[in-house]
Amino acid sequence: MDYKELGNRIKTARLAVKMTQEALAERVNLSSGHIAHVERATTKVSLKALVDIANALNTTPDKLLIDSNYLATPHLLDEAQALFADCNPDEVYIIIKAAEAIKQSIRVRKLTRDDC
């Protein structure tokens, strides 16, 4: 599990709902220092705390854990859609062509996530 990425996702979700670490900590019955440590990945978060944090941030644990559960295709598609949200048609075309080339290279070289 990539705790650094998990902490980044928690922080991003918290900021998206305009919540401070203190407010989140109060909602989930943890200290603000603990929330800060979780976001910086200097401590591991318990399953109960993760579920409570996800609920407080109006998200789901699986969205916060996406890098640990990279086979969760629907969430990856959500991220791809968000990537394209502010693109103009030329940018979309270029990104798609780049993605096609990357996909072909991955398949030819038989790369996996662990190779990155």
C-alpha atoms as a PDB file:
ATOM      1  CA  MET A   1       0.000   0.000   0.000  1.00  0.00           C
ATOM      2  CA  ASP A   2       1.254   3.455  -0.919  1.00  0.00           C
ATOM      3  CA  TYR A   3       0.529   5.463   2.227  1.00  0.00           C
ATOM      4  CA  LYS A   4       1.984   8.626   0.737  1.00  0.00           C
ATOM      5  CA  GLU A   5      -0.477   8.488  -2.147  1.00  0.00           C
ATOM      6  CA  LEU A   6      -3.309   7.645   0.259  1.00  0.00           C
ATOM      7  CA  GLY A   7      -2.422  10.703   2.334  1.00  0.00           C
ATOM      8  CA  ASN A   8      -2.350  12.861  -0.800  1.00  0.00           C
ATOM      9  CA  ARG A   9      -5.784  11.595  -1.823  1.00  0.00           C
ATOM     10  CA  ILE A  10      -7.192  12.308   1.629  1.00  0.00           C
ATOM     11  CA  LYS A  11      -5.754  15.823   1.549  1.00  0.00           C
ATOM     12  CA  THR A  12      -7.094  16.434  -1.967  1.00  0.00           C
ATOM     13  CA  ALA A  13     -10.553  15.198  -0.959  1.00  0.00           C
ATOM     14  CA  ARG A  14     -10.460  17.339   2.192  1.00  0.00           C
ATOM     15  CA  LEU A  15      -9.501  20.464   0.284  1.00  0.00           C
ATOM     16  CA  ALA A  16     -12.155  19.742  -2.355  1.00  0.00           C
ATOM     17  CA  VAL A  17     -14.835  20.057   0.316  1.00  0.00           C
ATOM     18  CA  LYS A  18     -13.062  23.086   1.818  1.00  0.00           C
ATOM     19  CA  MET A  19     -12.440  21.392   5.148  1.00  0.00           C
ATOM     20  CA  THR A  20      -9.533  22.067   7.473  1.00  0.00           C
ATOM     21  CA  GLN A  21      -7.563  19.305   9.134  1.00  0.00           C
ATOM     22  CA  GLU A  22      -9.054  20.471  12.423  1.00  0.00           C
ATOM     23  CA  ALA A  23     -12.632  20.193  11.134  1.00  0.00           C
ATOM     24  CA  LEU A  24     -11.973  16.750   9.679  1.00  0.00           C
ATOM     25  CA  ALA A  25     -10.335  15.609  12.900  1.00  0.00           C
ATOM     26  CA  GLU A  26     -13.333  16.756  14.906  1.00  0.00           C
ATOM     27  CA  ARG A  27     -15.776  14.949  12.592  1.00  0.00           C
ATOM     28  CA  VAL A  28     -13.886  11.650  12.835  1.00  0.00           C
ATOM     29  CA  ASN A  29     -12.858  11.835  16.497  1.00  0.00           C
ATOM     30  CA  LEU A  30      -9.116  12.057  15.851  1.00  0.00           C
ATOM     31  CA  SER A  31      -6.597  14.763  16.614  1.00  0.00           C
ATOM     32  CA  SER A  32      -5.668  17.257  13.932  1.00  0.00           C
ATOM     33  CA  GLY A  33      -2.065  16.140  14.419  1.00  0.00           C
ATOM     34  CA  HIS A  34      -3.064  12.582  13.545  1.00  0.00           C
ATOM     35  CA  ILE A  35      -4.812  13.785  10.376  1.00  0.00           C
ATOM     36  CA  ALA A  36      -1.666  15.738   9.462  1.00  0.00           C
ATOM     37  CA  HIS A  37       0.467  12.625   9.981  1.00  0.00           C
ATOM     38  CA  VAL A  38      -1.890  10.518   7.857  1.00  0.00           C
ATOM     39  CA  GLU A  39      -1.783  13.096   5.051  1.00  0.00           C
ATOM     40  CA  ARG A  40       2.032  13.172   5.180  1.00  0.00           C
ATOM     41  CA  ALA A  41       2.216   9.372   5.477  1.00  0.00           C
ATOM     42  CA  THR A  42       4.239   9.495   8.670  1.00  0.00           C
ATOM     43  CA  THR A  43       1.666   7.227  10.306  1.00  0.00           C
ATOM     44  CA  LYS A  44      -0.602   4.492   9.002  1.00  0.00           C
ATOM     45  CA  VAL A  45      -4.340   4.971   9.138  1.00  0.00           C
ATOM     46  CA  SER A  46      -6.589   2.279  10.614  1.00  0.00           C
ATOM     47  CA  LEU A  47      -9.413   0.804   8.576  1.00  0.00           C
ATOM     48  CA  LYS A  48     -12.015   2.359  10.883  1.00  0.00           C
ATOM     49  CA  ALA A  49     -10.376   5.777  10.626  1.00  0.00           C
ATOM     50  CA  LEU A  50     -10.156   5.459   6.834  1.00  0.00           C
ATOM     51  CA  VAL A  51     -13.867   4.660   6.577  1.00  0.00           C
ATOM     52  CA  ASP A  52     -14.733   7.528   8.937  1.00  0.00           C
ATOM     53  CA  ILE A  53     -12.521   9.934   6.961  1.00  0.00           C
ATOM     54  CA  ALA A  54     -14.060   8.851   3.659  1.00  0.00           C
ATOM     55  CA  ASN A  55     -17.577   9.349   5.043  1.00  0.00           C
ATOM     56  CA  ALA A  56     -16.688  12.769   6.447  1.00  0.00           C
ATOM     57  CA  LEU A  57     -15.284  13.797   3.061  1.00  0.00           C
ATOM     58  CA  ASN A  58     -18.305  12.509   1.117  1.00  0.00           C
ATOM     59  CA  THR A  59     -16.232   9.962  -0.733  1.00  0.00           C
ATOM     60  CA  THR A  60     -15.603   6.241  -0.476  1.00  0.00           C
ATOM     61  CA  PRO A  61     -12.657   4.303   0.924  1.00  0.00           C
ATOM     62  CA  ASP A  62     -12.073   2.678  -2.463  1.00  0.00           C
ATOM     63  CA  LYS A  63     -11.614   6.086  -4.104  1.00  0.00           C
ATOM     64  CA  LEU A  64      -9.057   6.978  -1.456  1.00  0.00           C
ATOM     65  CA  LEU A  65      -7.341   3.602  -1.925  1.00  0.00           C
ATOM     66  CA  ILE A  66      -7.374   3.662  -5.730  1.00  0.00           C
ATOM     67  CA  ASP A  67      -3.583   3.358  -6.040  1.00  0.00           C
ATOM     68  CA  SER A  68      -3.706   0.295  -3.830  1.00  0.00           C
ATOM     69  CA  ASN A  69      -6.617  -1.083  -5.840  1.00  0.00           C
ATOM     70  CA  TYR A  70      -5.565  -0.139  -9.358  1.00  0.00           C
ATOM     71  CA  LEU A  71      -7.893  -2.673 -10.940  1.00  0.00           C
ATOM     72  CA  ALA A  72     -10.876  -0.522  -9.986  1.00  0.00           C
ATOM     73  CA  THR A  73     -11.471   0.542 -13.583  1.00  0.00           C
ATOM     74  CA  PRO A  74     -14.544   2.743 -12.950  1.00  0.00           C
ATOM     75  CA  HIS A  75     -12.499   5.053 -10.723  1.00  0.00           C
ATOM     76  CA  LEU A  76      -9.707   5.200 -13.266  1.00  0.00           C
ATOM     77  CA  LEU A  77     -12.236   6.174 -15.912  1.00  0.00           C
ATOM     78  CA  ASP A  78     -13.522   8.923 -13.593  1.00  0.00           C
ATOM     79  CA  GLU A  79      -9.960  10.234 -13.318  1.00  0.00           C
ATOM     80  CA  ALA A  80      -9.529  10.126 -17.101  1.00  0.00           C
ATOM     81  CA  GLN A  81     -12.775  12.012 -17.584  1.00  0.00           C
ATOM     82  CA  ALA A  82     -11.641  14.646 -15.088  1.00  0.00           C
ATOM     83  CA  LEU A  83      -8.359  14.956 -16.987  1.00  0.00           C
ATOM     84  CA  PHE A  84     -10.235  15.796 -20.187  1.00  0.00           C
ATOM     85  CA  ALA A  85     -12.748  18.138 -18.542  1.00  0.00           C
ATOM     86  CA  ASP A  86     -10.875  21.362 -19.280  1.00  0.00           C
ATOM     87  CA  CYS A  87      -9.203  20.305 -22.543  1.00  0.00           C
ATOM     88  CA  ASN A  88      -9.905  21.829 -25.899  1.00  0.00           C
ATOM     89  CA  PRO A  89     -10.393  19.498 -28.920  1.00  0.00           C
ATOM     90  CA  ASP A  90      -6.729  19.723 -29.973  1.00  0.00           C
ATOM     91  CA  GLU A  91      -5.544  18.777 -26.485  1.00  0.00           C
ATOM     92  CA  VAL A  92      -7.977  15.853 -26.346  1.00  0.00           C
ATOM     93  CA  TYR A  93      -6.732  14.584 -29.708  1.00  0.00           C
ATOM     94  CA  ILE A  94      -3.061  14.850 -28.703  1.00  0.00           C
ATOM     95  CA  ILE A  95      -3.661  13.132 -25.343  1.00  0.00           C
ATOM     96  CA  ILE A  96      -5.562  10.292 -27.025  1.00  0.00           C
ATOM     97  CA  LYS A  97      -2.818   9.786 -29.618  1.00  0.00           C
ATOM     98  CA  ALA A  98      -0.182   9.785 -26.871  1.00  0.00           C
ATOM     99  CA  ALA A  99      -2.244   7.292 -24.842  1.00  0.00           C
ATOM    100  CA  GLU A 100      -2.585   5.008 -27.892  1.00  0.00           C
ATOM    101  CA  ALA A 101       1.196   5.034 -28.370  1.00  0.00           C
ATOM    102  CA  ILE A 102       1.792   4.335 -24.684  1.00  0.00           C
ATOM    103  CA  LYS A 103      -0.744   1.501 -24.715  1.00  0.00           C
ATOM    104  CA  GLN A 104       0.979  -0.111 -27.690  1.00  0.00           C
ATOM    105  CA  SER A 105       4.382   0.222 -26.037  1.00  0.00           C
ATOM    106  CA  ILE A 106       3.096  -1.296 -22.789  1.00  0.00           C
ATOM    107  CA  ARG A 107       1.668  -4.287 -24.627  1.00  0.00           C
ATOM    108  CA  VAL A 108       4.760  -4.837 -26.785  1.00  0.00           C
ATOM    109  CA  ARG A 109       7.051  -4.636 -23.764  1.00  0.00           C
ATOM    110  CA  LYS A 110       4.551  -6.502 -21.525  1.00  0.00           C
ATOM    111  CA  LEU A 111       4.969  -3.915 -18.779  1.00  0.00           C
ATOM    112  CA  THR A 112       3.098  -4.073 -15.504  1.00  0.00           C
ATOM    113  CA  ARG A 113       2.449  -1.503 -12.788  1.00  0.00           C
ATOM    114  CA  ASP A 114       5.381  -2.921 -10.814  1.00  0.00           C
ATOM    115  CA  ASP A 115       7.752  -1.998 -13.651  1.00  0.00           C
ATOM    116  CA  CYS A 116       7.076   1.734 -13.210  1.00  0.00           C
END
